[in-house]
C-alpha cells in the first residue's frame, strides 16, 4: 500500500472515531479496559477472535454441506456476496484499526498470543481493512443460518452467542471499531438478503417454465 493510501487509512480512522464520539458509540477503550486486568478474560477474548472465526465458519460449512445442503449454499453465497462488498469498501475506504492509531489501546492478540499472527502473517493480510468487520459479519451469518436450521436449544444458544462474543472480541482486542461491527452486520445481512432475492427469482422462473 502506498504512503498516500496509508495516510488515507489513518484519516478514515479519525473519521470513524469522530463519528462514534458524535453518536455515543466510542466504546473501544472502555471495553478493553474491562478485560485487561484479568489475564484469563484476555486469553478467552483472544481465543474467540482467533479460533471463533475460521475454524467455526469452516466447521459449520462442512456440517451444513452434509446435513443441510440448501442452507450450505445460502451461507456460502451470502459470504461470497458480502465478501465482495467488503472488498470494494476496503479499496474505497481503507481504515486503520484501533490498535494502530493513538487511542492508547493494546493489540492483545499480538501482545498476549502468537497463534493468530503465526496463522496469518502480517505480510499476508491487509491491516488497513478495519471497515467493515467481516470477522463479525460472517460469524453473524453463521449464527443466523444455524438458528434457522436447528430447533435444538443448545445450537440456537450457540447461534446467538457466537456473533455476540465475536462482536465483543473484535472491539476489545483493538482490531475493530464499534462502527466496523455495525457495518459488518449491514454488509453481511445485505449479502444474505440478496441471496434470498436470487433464490426466489430462480424459483419463480422455474415455476413459470413448468407451467
Protein backbone atom coordinates (compact mmCIF):
# COMPACT_ATOMS: atom_id res chain seq x y z
CA UNK A 1 0.00 0.00 0.00
CA UNK A 2 1.37 3.42 -0.96
CA UNK A 3 2.12 6.07 1.64
CA UNK A 4 -0.80 8.15 0.39
CA UNK A 5 -3.15 5.20 0.93
CA UNK A 6 -1.74 4.69 4.43
CA UNK A 7 -2.35 8.35 5.22
CA UNK A 8 -5.88 7.98 3.86
CA UNK A 9 -6.44 4.92 6.07
CA UNK A 10 -5.48 6.90 9.17
CA UNK A 11 -7.63 9.83 8.04
CA UNK A 12 -10.60 7.47 7.70
CA UNK A 13 -9.84 6.07 11.16
CA UNK A 14 -10.08 9.61 12.52
CA UNK A 15 -13.40 10.00 10.71
CA UNK A 16 -14.74 6.81 12.26
CA UNK A 17 -13.58 7.83 15.73
CA UNK A 18 -15.17 11.23 15.31
CA UNK A 19 -18.45 9.72 14.13
CA UNK A 20 -18.52 7.34 17.10
CA UNK A 21 -17.96 10.18 19.55
CA UNK A 22 -20.72 12.18 17.92
CA UNK A 23 -23.28 9.39 18.34
CA UNK A 24 -22.04 7.97 21.64
CA UNK A 25 -20.52 4.72 20.37
CA UNK A 26 -16.88 5.35 21.28
CA UNK A 27 -16.62 2.23 23.46
CA UNK A 28 -13.28 0.75 22.37
CA UNK A 29 -11.25 1.94 25.37
CA UNK A 30 -13.89 1.07 27.96
CA UNK A 31 -14.40 -2.44 26.58
CA UNK A 32 -10.67 -3.15 26.53
CA UNK A 33 -10.12 -1.66 29.98
CA UNK A 34 -12.79 -4.01 31.31
CA UNK A 35 -10.65 -7.05 30.42
CA UNK A 36 -7.00 -6.00 30.70
CA UNK A 37 -6.68 -6.62 34.45
CA UNK A 38 -7.94 -10.20 34.06
CA UNK A 39 -5.47 -12.28 32.08
CA UNK A 40 -7.84 -15.24 31.74
CA UNK A 41 -10.50 -12.97 30.23
CA UNK A 42 -7.97 -11.52 27.80
CA UNK A 43 -6.98 -15.06 26.82
CA UNK A 44 -10.62 -16.05 26.36
CA UNK A 45 -11.33 -12.99 24.21
CA UNK A 46 -8.22 -13.66 22.12
CA UNK A 47 -9.31 -17.25 21.62
CA UNK A 48 -12.75 -16.11 20.48
CA UNK A 49 -11.10 -13.79 17.97
CA UNK A 50 -8.60 -16.40 16.76
CA UNK A 51 -10.47 -19.71 16.94
CA UNK A 52 -14.05 -18.49 16.88
CA UNK A 53 -13.84 -17.34 13.28
CA UNK A 54 -12.35 -19.53 10.54
CA UNK A 55 -12.40 -22.83 12.46
CA UNK A 56 -16.07 -22.26 13.33
CA UNK A 57 -17.05 -20.95 9.89
CA UNK A 58 -15.39 -23.87 8.10
CA UNK A 59 -16.78 -26.40 10.58
CA UNK A 60 -20.32 -25.10 10.15
CA UNK A 61 -19.99 -25.05 6.36
CA UNK A 62 -18.90 -28.69 6.38
CA UNK A 63 -21.76 -29.67 8.70
CA UNK A 64 -24.30 -27.81 6.58
CA UNK A 65 -22.96 -29.40 3.41
CA UNK A 66 -23.52 -32.83 4.95
CA UNK A 67 -26.78 -32.25 6.81
CA UNK A 68 -28.47 -29.19 5.30
CA UNK A 69 -27.27 -28.76 1.73
CA UNK A 70 -29.61 -25.89 0.82
CA UNK A 71 -28.53 -23.86 3.86
CA UNK A 72 -24.90 -24.58 3.00
CA UNK A 73 -25.36 -22.88 -0.36
CA UNK A 74 -27.19 -19.99 1.30
CA UNK A 75 -24.35 -19.38 3.75
CA UNK A 76 -21.66 -19.86 1.11
CA UNK A 77 -23.28 -17.46 -1.34
CA UNK A 78 -24.01 -14.87 1.35
CA UNK A 79 -20.34 -14.97 2.35
CA UNK A 80 -19.24 -14.56 -1.27
CA UNK A 81 -21.54 -11.58 -1.86
CA UNK A 82 -20.79 -9.84 1.43
CA UNK A 83 -17.09 -10.56 0.93
CA UNK A 84 -17.21 -8.88 -2.49
CA UNK A 85 -18.98 -5.87 -0.99
CA UNK A 86 -16.40 -5.78 1.77
CA UNK A 87 -13.51 -5.82 -0.71
CA UNK A 88 -14.98 -2.82 -2.50
CA UNK A 89 -15.29 -0.93 0.80
CA UNK A 90 -11.71 -1.89 1.74
CA UNK A 91 -10.49 -0.34 -1.53
CA UNK A 92 -12.67 2.76 -1.37
CA UNK A 93 -12.49 3.37 2.38
CA UNK A 94 -9.24 1.90 3.78
CA UNK A 95 -9.29 2.29 7.55
CA UNK A 96 -6.57 1.81 10.15
CA UNK A 97 -7.77 -0.33 13.10
CA UNK A 98 -7.81 0.95 16.69
CA UNK A 99 -4.63 -0.95 17.54
CA UNK A 100 -2.66 1.21 15.07
CA UNK A 101 -3.97 4.65 15.97
CA UNK A 102 -3.23 6.80 19.00
CA UNK A 103 -6.01 5.65 21.30
CA UNK A 104 -3.75 4.06 23.88
CA UNK A 105 -5.13 0.60 23.12
CA UNK A 106 -3.23 -2.68 23.24
CA UNK A 107 -3.21 -5.19 20.41
CA UNK A 108 -3.99 -8.07 22.76
CA UNK A 109 -3.90 -10.69 20.00
CA UNK A 110 -0.27 -9.87 19.21
CA UNK A 111 0.82 -8.94 22.73
CA UNK A 112 -0.79 -11.85 24.57
CA UNK A 113 -0.86 -14.53 21.87
CA UNK A 114 1.28 -15.78 18.98
CA UNK A 115 -1.24 -18.10 17.34
CA UNK A 116 -3.11 -15.65 15.14
CA UNK A 117 -0.12 -13.80 13.75
CA UNK A 118 1.53 -17.19 13.08
CA UNK A 119 -1.54 -18.49 11.25
CA UNK A 120 -1.93 -15.23 9.34
CA UNK A 121 1.44 -13.47 8.97
CA UNK A 122 1.10 -9.66 8.89
CA UNK A 123 2.65 -9.58 5.44
CA UNK A 124 -0.26 -11.57 4.01
CA UNK A 125 -3.12 -9.53 5.40
CA UNK A 126 -4.44 -6.04 4.75
CA UNK A 127 -4.03 -4.32 8.11
CA UNK A 128 -5.96 -1.28 6.89
CA UNK A 129 -9.18 -3.21 6.26
CA UNK A 130 -10.93 -2.46 9.53
CA UNK A 131 -14.17 -1.22 7.95
CA UNK A 132 -16.37 -3.26 7.73
CA UNK A 133 -15.65 -6.13 10.11
CA UNK A 134 -16.24 -9.30 8.10
CA UNK A 135 -14.78 -11.10 11.10
CA UNK A 136 -18.02 -10.21 12.83
CA UNK A 137 -20.24 -10.18 9.76
CA UNK A 138 -19.50 -13.73 8.69
CA UNK A 139 -19.95 -15.01 12.24
CA UNK A 140 -23.32 -13.27 12.24
CA UNK A 141 -24.23 -15.10 9.03
CA UNK A 142 -23.22 -18.40 10.61
CA UNK A 143 -25.38 -17.60 13.61
CA UNK A 144 -28.41 -16.67 11.51
CA UNK A 145 -28.21 -19.80 9.35
CA UNK A 146 -27.62 -22.10 12.33
CA UNK A 147 -30.60 -20.59 14.14
CA UNK A 148 -32.77 -21.19 11.10
CA UNK A 149 -31.84 -24.83 10.52
CA UNK A 150 -31.88 -26.15 14.09
CA UNK A 151 -34.59 -26.46 16.70
CA UNK A 152 -32.17 -27.64 19.39
CA UNK A 153 -31.83 -25.14 22.22
CA UNK A 154 -28.08 -25.63 22.59
CA UNK A 155 -27.47 -24.99 18.90
CA UNK A 156 -29.67 -21.91 18.92
CA UNK A 157 -27.93 -20.62 22.04
CA UNK A 158 -24.60 -21.06 20.26
CA UNK A 159 -26.00 -19.33 17.17
CA UNK A 160 -26.93 -16.29 19.26
CA UNK A 161 -23.84 -16.29 21.47
CA UNK A 162 -21.31 -16.67 18.64
CA UNK A 163 -21.78 -13.26 16.97
CA UNK A 164 -22.25 -11.56 20.34
CA UNK A 165 -18.94 -12.96 21.57
CA UNK A 166 -17.18 -12.09 18.32
CA UNK A 167 -18.60 -8.57 18.31
CA UNK A 168 -17.15 -8.02 21.78
CA UNK A 169 -13.85 -9.69 20.88
CA UNK A 170 -13.07 -7.70 17.74
CA UNK A 171 -13.53 -4.44 19.65
CA UNK A 172 -11.92 -5.45 22.96
CA UNK A 173 -8.80 -6.72 21.16
CA UNK A 174 -8.50 -3.33 19.39
CA UNK A 175 -8.86 -4.84 15.94
CA UNK A 176 -12.11 -3.08 15.04
CA UNK A 177 -14.21 -0.08 15.97
CA UNK A 178 -17.81 -0.41 17.11
CA UNK A 179 -18.90 1.11 13.80
CA UNK A 180 -16.91 -1.60 11.97
CA UNK A 181 -19.06 -4.19 13.73
CA UNK A 182 -22.28 -2.43 12.76
CA UNK A 183 -21.06 -2.04 9.17
CA UNK A 184 -20.08 -5.72 9.12
CA UNK A 185 -23.61 -6.64 10.16
CA UNK A 186 -25.13 -4.47 7.43
CA UNK A 187 -22.83 -5.90 4.74
CA UNK A 188 -23.37 -9.50 5.86
CA UNK A 189 -27.15 -9.20 6.09
CA UNK A 190 -27.22 -7.45 2.72
CA UNK A 191 -25.43 -10.44 1.26
CA UNK A 192 -27.94 -12.78 2.87
CA UNK A 193 -30.87 -10.70 1.61
CA UNK A 194 -29.50 -10.71 -1.95
CA UNK A 195 -29.14 -14.49 -1.82
CA UNK A 196 -32.79 -14.68 -0.82
CA UNK A 197 -33.81 -12.45 -3.72
CA UNK A 198 -31.82 -14.51 -6.21
CA UNK A 199 -33.21 -17.79 -4.86
CA UNK A 200 -36.79 -16.55 -5.03
CA UNK A 201 -36.26 -15.26 -8.56
CA UNK A 202 -34.80 -18.56 -9.71
CA UNK A 203 -37.67 -20.47 -8.09
CA UNK A 204 -40.24 -18.21 -9.78
CA UNK A 205 -38.61 -18.72 -13.17
CA UNK A 206 -38.60 -22.48 -12.71
CA UNK A 207 -42.28 -22.46 -11.83
CA UNK A 208 -43.07 -20.45 -14.95
CA UNK A 209 -41.22 -22.96 -17.11
CA UNK A 210 -43.13 -25.84 -15.55
CA UNK A 211 -46.41 -24.12 -16.36
